[in-house]
């Protein structure tokens, strides 16, 4: 998952300050105010990898 460092939304430019699990904190370059954007708002999808059921139960996966 790659988060953009600088974004432009609603005619304003924001710079990335910190990333959290579900959202990212950005600072407005003009007014210095801070705003949070969810990853859905940024158009970024988080990769989720689930182990198979046999691996979760301690089984061996054979291909």
C-alpha atoms as a PDB file:
ATOM      1  CA  UNK A   1       0.000   0.000   0.000  1.00  0.00           C
ATOM      2  CA  UNK A   2       1.561   3.250  -1.112  1.00  0.00           C
ATOM      3  CA  UNK A   3       0.310   6.492   0.443  1.00  0.00           C
ATOM      4  CA  UNK A   4       0.822   9.724  -1.542  1.00  0.00           C
ATOM      5  CA  UNK A   5       3.021  12.267   0.296  1.00  0.00           C
ATOM      6  CA  UNK A   6       1.320  15.307  -1.264  1.00  0.00           C
ATOM      7  CA  UNK A   7      -2.339  15.358  -2.307  1.00  0.00           C
ATOM      8  CA  UNK A   8      -4.663  17.978  -3.734  1.00  0.00           C
ATOM      9  CA  UNK A   9      -8.313  17.941  -2.575  1.00  0.00           C
ATOM     10  CA  UNK A  10     -10.990  20.613  -2.883  1.00  0.00           C
ATOM     11  CA  UNK A  11      -8.516  23.155  -4.251  1.00  0.00           C
ATOM     12  CA  UNK A  12      -6.057  22.752  -1.360  1.00  0.00           C
ATOM     13  CA  UNK A  13      -2.731  20.941  -1.138  1.00  0.00           C
ATOM     14  CA  UNK A  14      -1.919  18.683   1.794  1.00  0.00           C
ATOM     15  CA  UNK A  15       1.363  17.107   2.916  1.00  0.00           C
ATOM     16  CA  UNK A  16       1.508  13.759   4.754  1.00  0.00           C
ATOM     17  CA  UNK A  17       2.366  13.911   8.456  1.00  0.00           C
ATOM     18  CA  UNK A  18       1.590  10.462   9.884  1.00  0.00           C
ATOM     19  CA  UNK A  19      -0.033   7.181   8.839  1.00  0.00           C
ATOM     20  CA  UNK A  20      -2.416   5.230  11.041  1.00  0.00           C
ATOM     21  CA  UNK A  21      -4.138   1.872  10.570  1.00  0.00           C
ATOM     22  CA  UNK A  22      -7.326   3.244   8.963  1.00  0.00           C
ATOM     23  CA  UNK A  23      -6.483   6.819   8.016  1.00  0.00           C
ATOM     24  CA  UNK A  24      -3.657   9.252   7.250  1.00  0.00           C
ATOM     25  CA  UNK A  25      -3.023  12.639   8.848  1.00  0.00           C
ATOM     26  CA  UNK A  26      -2.255  15.490   6.438  1.00  0.00           C
ATOM     27  CA  UNK A  27      -1.388  19.168   6.974  1.00  0.00           C
ATOM     28  CA  UNK A  28      -2.765  21.940   4.765  1.00  0.00           C
ATOM     29  CA  UNK A  29       0.168  23.792   3.189  1.00  0.00           C
ATOM     30  CA  UNK A  30      -1.598  27.179   3.157  1.00  0.00           C
ATOM     31  CA  UNK A  31      -3.368  27.355   6.535  1.00  0.00           C
ATOM     32  CA  UNK A  32      -1.244  24.838   8.512  1.00  0.00           C
ATOM     33  CA  UNK A  33      -4.450  23.102   9.696  1.00  0.00           C
ATOM     34  CA  UNK A  34      -4.510  19.316   9.978  1.00  0.00           C
ATOM     35  CA  UNK A  35      -7.026  16.946   8.443  1.00  0.00           C
ATOM     36  CA  UNK A  36      -7.499  13.182   8.412  1.00  0.00           C
ATOM     37  CA  UNK A  37      -8.369  11.216   5.284  1.00  0.00           C
ATOM     38  CA  UNK A  38      -9.382   7.568   5.222  1.00  0.00           C
ATOM     39  CA  UNK A  39      -7.678   5.284   2.736  1.00  0.00           C
ATOM     40  CA  UNK A  40     -10.978   5.019   0.839  1.00  0.00           C
ATOM     41  CA  UNK A  41     -11.001   8.804   0.367  1.00  0.00           C
ATOM     42  CA  UNK A  42      -7.437   8.661  -0.918  1.00  0.00           C
ATOM     43  CA  UNK A  43      -8.260   5.821  -3.316  1.00  0.00           C
ATOM     44  CA  UNK A  44      -5.780   3.459  -1.685  1.00  0.00           C
ATOM     45  CA  UNK A  45      -6.735  -0.127  -0.939  1.00  0.00           C
ATOM     46  CA  UNK A  46      -5.016  -1.993   1.855  1.00  0.00           C
ATOM     47  CA  UNK A  47      -3.797  -5.481   1.012  1.00  0.00           C
ATOM     48  CA  UNK A  48      -5.243  -8.149   3.276  1.00  0.00           C
ATOM     49  CA  UNK A  49      -3.684 -11.594   3.247  1.00  0.00           C
ATOM     50  CA  UNK A  50      -5.587 -14.330   5.063  1.00  0.00           C
ATOM     51  CA  UNK A  51      -3.962 -17.676   5.730  1.00  0.00           C
ATOM     52  CA  UNK A  52      -5.825 -20.743   4.548  1.00  0.00           C
ATOM     53  CA  UNK A  53      -7.958 -22.711   7.008  1.00  0.00           C
ATOM     54  CA  UNK A  54      -5.535 -25.635   7.161  1.00  0.00           C
ATOM     55  CA  UNK A  55      -2.632 -23.306   7.943  1.00  0.00           C
ATOM     56  CA  UNK A  56      -4.602 -21.661  10.774  1.00  0.00           C
ATOM     57  CA  UNK A  57      -5.326 -25.060  12.334  1.00  0.00           C
ATOM     58  CA  UNK A  58      -1.655 -26.037  12.260  1.00  0.00           C
ATOM     59  CA  UNK A  59      -1.937 -28.256   9.181  1.00  0.00           C
ATOM     60  CA  UNK A  60       0.552 -28.528   6.371  1.00  0.00           C
ATOM     61  CA  UNK A  61      -0.231 -27.117   2.947  1.00  0.00           C
ATOM     62  CA  UNK A  62       1.009 -29.311   0.106  1.00  0.00           C
ATOM     63  CA  UNK A  63       0.986 -28.147  -3.500  1.00  0.00           C
END
